[in-house]
């Protein structure tokens, strides 16, 4: 009897192997879904960084421009991945006339529409 128990206890049964493969496949499918989500979020972060950089570029351009040439406008920029960014800046004189408020909005569309807005002040 002791001999037959030791012979039967060696190795894995087919059912045990199938259950282990099922658990492994469920875990790998979950990781694949996580990978897709991570890639999308990483891509959005890159697009957001480009949009913020384009807004900062416009702020710096307006800050060094002559006081009379700081006016509202619109233009477009193409990002490193080919996404088209539309910059809209609105220049408003503050009530005492010593400063101008600049609101820059950057819009882009990858799979959905996105927008980021910045507000700054320019003094002569």
C-alpha atoms as a PDB file:
ATOM      1  CA  UNK A   1       0.000   0.000   0.000  1.00  0.00           C
ATOM      2  CA  UNK A   2       2.813   2.434   0.843  1.00  0.00           C
ATOM      3  CA  UNK A   3       4.397   1.723  -2.494  1.00  0.00           C
ATOM      4  CA  UNK A   4       1.260   2.443  -4.503  1.00  0.00           C
ATOM      5  CA  UNK A   5       0.693   5.816  -2.764  1.00  0.00           C
ATOM      6  CA  UNK A   6       4.197   7.020  -3.528  1.00  0.00           C
ATOM      7  CA  UNK A   7       3.846   6.056  -7.193  1.00  0.00           C
ATOM      8  CA  UNK A   8       0.510   7.869  -7.577  1.00  0.00           C
ATOM      9  CA  UNK A   9       1.707  11.085  -5.915  1.00  0.00           C
ATOM     10  CA  UNK A  10       4.421  11.883  -8.449  1.00  0.00           C
ATOM     11  CA  UNK A  11       3.666  14.570 -11.076  1.00  0.00           C
ATOM     12  CA  UNK A  12       0.526  16.556 -11.859  1.00  0.00           C
ATOM     13  CA  UNK A  13      -2.785  15.371 -13.181  1.00  0.00           C
ATOM     14  CA  UNK A  14      -4.208  16.740 -16.412  1.00  0.00           C
ATOM     15  CA  UNK A  15      -6.956  18.570 -14.492  1.00  0.00           C
ATOM     16  CA  UNK A  16      -4.417  20.358 -12.298  1.00  0.00           C
ATOM     17  CA  UNK A  17      -2.421  21.466 -15.335  1.00  0.00           C
ATOM     18  CA  UNK A  18      -5.563  22.752 -17.093  1.00  0.00           C
ATOM     19  CA  UNK A  19      -6.620  24.733 -14.013  1.00  0.00           C
ATOM     20  CA  UNK A  20      -3.150  26.261 -13.731  1.00  0.00           C
ATOM     21  CA  UNK A  21      -3.253  27.239 -17.431  1.00  0.00           C
ATOM     22  CA  UNK A  22      -6.694  28.776 -16.985  1.00  0.00           C
ATOM     23  CA  UNK A  23      -5.493  30.896 -14.052  1.00  0.00           C
ATOM     24  CA  UNK A  24      -2.384  31.950 -15.986  1.00  0.00           C
ATOM     25  CA  UNK A  25      -4.400  32.920 -19.073  1.00  0.00           C
ATOM     26  CA  UNK A  26      -6.834  35.048 -17.024  1.00  0.00           C
ATOM     27  CA  UNK A  27      -3.893  36.852 -15.414  1.00  0.00           C
ATOM     28  CA  UNK A  28      -2.239  37.469 -18.793  1.00  0.00           C
ATOM     29  CA  UNK A  29      -5.484  38.828 -20.273  1.00  0.00           C
ATOM     30  CA  UNK A  30      -5.775  41.250 -17.352  1.00  0.00           C
ATOM     31  CA  UNK A  31      -2.208  42.411 -17.952  1.00  0.00           C
ATOM     32  CA  UNK A  32      -2.912  42.900 -21.664  1.00  0.00           C
ATOM     33  CA  UNK A  33      -5.875  45.146 -20.824  1.00  0.00           C
ATOM     34  CA  UNK A  34      -3.723  47.089 -18.399  1.00  0.00           C
ATOM     35  CA  UNK A  35      -1.071  47.531 -21.084  1.00  0.00           C
ATOM     36  CA  UNK A  36      -3.616  49.076 -23.481  1.00  0.00           C
ATOM     37  CA  UNK A  37      -4.819  51.479 -20.800  1.00  0.00           C
ATOM     38  CA  UNK A  38      -1.268  52.446 -19.868  1.00  0.00           C
ATOM     39  CA  UNK A  39      -0.339  53.113 -23.492  1.00  0.00           C
ATOM     40  CA  UNK A  40      -3.381  55.381 -23.992  1.00  0.00           C
ATOM     41  CA  UNK A  41      -2.639  57.330 -20.813  1.00  0.00           C
ATOM     42  CA  UNK A  42       1.007  57.724 -21.772  1.00  0.00           C
ATOM     43  CA  UNK A  43      -0.002  59.023 -25.192  1.00  0.00           C
ATOM     44  CA  UNK A  44      -2.429  61.522 -23.628  1.00  0.00           C
ATOM     45  CA  UNK A  45       0.309  62.731 -21.274  1.00  0.00           C
ATOM     46  CA  UNK A  46       2.600  63.364 -24.234  1.00  0.00           C
ATOM     47  CA  UNK A  47      -0.137  65.292 -26.046  1.00  0.00           C
ATOM     48  CA  UNK A  48      -0.865  67.352 -22.936  1.00  0.00           C
ATOM     49  CA  UNK A  49       2.832  68.191 -22.593  1.00  0.00           C
ATOM     50  CA  UNK A  50       3.011  69.307 -26.238  1.00  0.00           C
ATOM     51  CA  UNK A  51      -0.108  71.466 -25.808  1.00  0.00           C
ATOM     52  CA  UNK A  52       1.342  73.119 -22.689  1.00  0.00           C
ATOM     53  CA  UNK A  53       4.623  73.717 -24.526  1.00  0.00           C
ATOM     54  CA  UNK A  54       2.822  75.365 -27.457  1.00  0.00           C
ATOM     55  CA  UNK A  55       0.903  77.605 -25.027  1.00  0.00           C
ATOM     56  CA  UNK A  56       4.131  78.554 -23.227  1.00  0.00           C
ATOM     57  CA  UNK A  57       5.778  79.357 -26.574  1.00  0.00           C
ATOM     58  CA  UNK A  58       2.941  81.765 -27.404  1.00  0.00           C
ATOM     59  CA  UNK A  59       3.153  83.412 -23.953  1.00  0.00           C
ATOM     60  CA  UNK A  60       6.854  84.002 -24.425  1.00  0.00           C
ATOM     61  CA  UNK A  61       6.322  85.339 -27.937  1.00  0.00           C
ATOM     62  CA  UNK A  62       3.663  87.793 -26.719  1.00  0.00           C
ATOM     63  CA  UNK A  63       5.757  88.833 -23.710  1.00  0.00           C
ATOM     64  CA  UNK A  64       8.662  90.000 -25.895  1.00  0.00           C
ATOM     65  CA  UNK A  65       6.427  91.649 -28.527  1.00  0.00           C
ATOM     66  CA  UNK A  66       5.858  95.389 -28.599  1.00  0.00           C
ATOM     67  CA  UNK A  67       2.888  96.534 -26.513  1.00  0.00           C
ATOM     68  CA  UNK A  68       0.852  97.549 -29.564  1.00  0.00           C
ATOM     69  CA  UNK A  69       1.286  94.217 -31.335  1.00  0.00           C
ATOM     70  CA  UNK A  70      -0.107  92.135 -28.451  1.00  0.00           C
ATOM     71  CA  UNK A  71      -3.534  91.309 -29.882  1.00  0.00           C
ATOM     72  CA  UNK A  72      -5.854  88.303 -29.959  1.00  0.00           C
ATOM     73  CA  UNK A  73      -5.402  85.628 -32.593  1.00  0.00           C
ATOM     74  CA  UNK A  74      -5.499  82.015 -33.694  1.00  0.00           C
ATOM     75  CA  UNK A  75      -2.936  79.684 -35.252  1.00  0.00           C
ATOM     76  CA  UNK A  76      -2.169  75.982 -35.570  1.00  0.00           C
ATOM     77  CA  UNK A  77       0.842  73.848 -34.759  1.00  0.00           C
ATOM     78  CA  UNK A  78       1.616  70.255 -35.668  1.00  0.00           C
ATOM     79  CA  UNK A  79       2.983  68.059 -32.898  1.00  0.00           C
ATOM     80  CA  UNK A  80       5.712  65.463 -33.124  1.00  0.00           C
ATOM     81  CA  UNK A  81       3.154  62.678 -33.605  1.00  0.00           C
ATOM     82  CA  UNK A  82       1.249  64.552 -36.322  1.00  0.00           C
ATOM     83  CA  UNK A  83      -1.573  65.809 -34.090  1.00  0.00           C
ATOM     84  CA  UNK A  84      -2.840  69.254 -35.090  1.00  0.00           C
ATOM     85  CA  UNK A  85      -3.049  71.721 -32.184  1.00  0.00           C
ATOM     86  CA  UNK A  86      -5.123  74.904 -32.505  1.00  0.00           C
ATOM     87  CA  UNK A  87      -4.002  77.810 -30.306  1.00  0.00           C
ATOM     88  CA  UNK A  88      -6.452  80.599 -29.573  1.00  0.00           C
ATOM     89  CA  UNK A  89      -5.295  83.556 -27.510  1.00  0.00           C
ATOM     90  CA  UNK A  90      -7.492  86.336 -26.224  1.00  0.00           C
ATOM     91  CA  UNK A  91      -5.879  89.587 -25.068  1.00  0.00           C
ATOM     92  CA  UNK A  92      -7.889  91.823 -22.748  1.00  0.00           C
ATOM     93  CA  UNK A  93      -6.843  95.167 -21.219  1.00  0.00           C
ATOM     94  CA  UNK A  94      -7.352  95.262 -17.482  1.00  0.00           C
ATOM     95  CA  UNK A  95      -9.480  98.165 -16.151  1.00  0.00           C
ATOM     96  CA  UNK A  96      -6.555 100.456 -15.259  1.00  0.00           C
ATOM     97  CA  UNK A  97      -4.797  99.846 -18.612  1.00  0.00           C
ATOM     98  CA  UNK A  98      -1.388  99.011 -17.163  1.00  0.00           C
ATOM     99  CA  UNK A  99      -1.542  95.307 -17.936  1.00  0.00           C
ATOM    100  CA  UNK A 100      -3.060  92.936 -20.445  1.00  0.00           C
ATOM    101  CA  UNK A 101      -4.588  89.609 -19.556  1.00  0.00           C
ATOM    102  CA  UNK A 102      -3.787  86.814 -21.979  1.00  0.00           C
ATOM    103  CA  UNK A 103      -5.908  83.663 -22.081  1.00  0.00           C
ATOM    104  CA  UNK A 104      -4.435  80.929 -24.277  1.00  0.00           C
ATOM    105  CA  UNK A 105      -6.508  77.870 -25.134  1.00  0.00           C
ATOM    106  CA  UNK A 106      -4.982  74.920 -26.992  1.00  0.00           C
ATOM    107  CA  UNK A 107      -7.358  72.397 -28.590  1.00  0.00           C
ATOM    108  CA  UNK A 108      -6.470  69.080 -30.213  1.00  0.00           C
ATOM    109  CA  UNK A 109      -8.213  65.910 -31.284  1.00  0.00           C
ATOM    110  CA  UNK A 110      -6.659  62.453 -31.098  1.00  0.00           C
ATOM    111  CA  UNK A 111      -9.488  59.965 -30.484  1.00  0.00           C
ATOM    112  CA  UNK A 112     -11.540  62.584 -28.633  1.00  0.00           C
ATOM    113  CA  UNK A 113     -11.450  66.368 -28.367  1.00  0.00           C
ATOM    114  CA  UNK A 114      -9.196  67.852 -25.693  1.00  0.00           C
ATOM    115  CA  UNK A 115      -8.528  71.384 -24.519  1.00  0.00           C
ATOM    116  CA  UNK A 116      -6.166  73.086 -22.101  1.00  0.00           C
ATOM    117  CA  UNK A 117      -6.292  76.735 -21.057  1.00  0.00           C
ATOM    118  CA  UNK A 118      -3.765  79.083 -19.451  1.00  0.00           C
ATOM    119  CA  UNK A 119      -4.145  82.622 -18.137  1.00  0.00           C
ATOM    120  CA  UNK A 120      -1.276  85.100 -17.721  1.00  0.00           C
ATOM    121  CA  UNK A 121      -0.594  88.818 -17.400  1.00  0.00           C
ATOM    122  CA  UNK A 122       1.640  90.951 -19.642  1.00  0.00           C
ATOM    123  CA  UNK A 123       2.909  94.346 -18.551  1.00  0.00           C
ATOM    124  CA  UNK A 124       4.536  96.950 -20.831  1.00  0.00           C
END
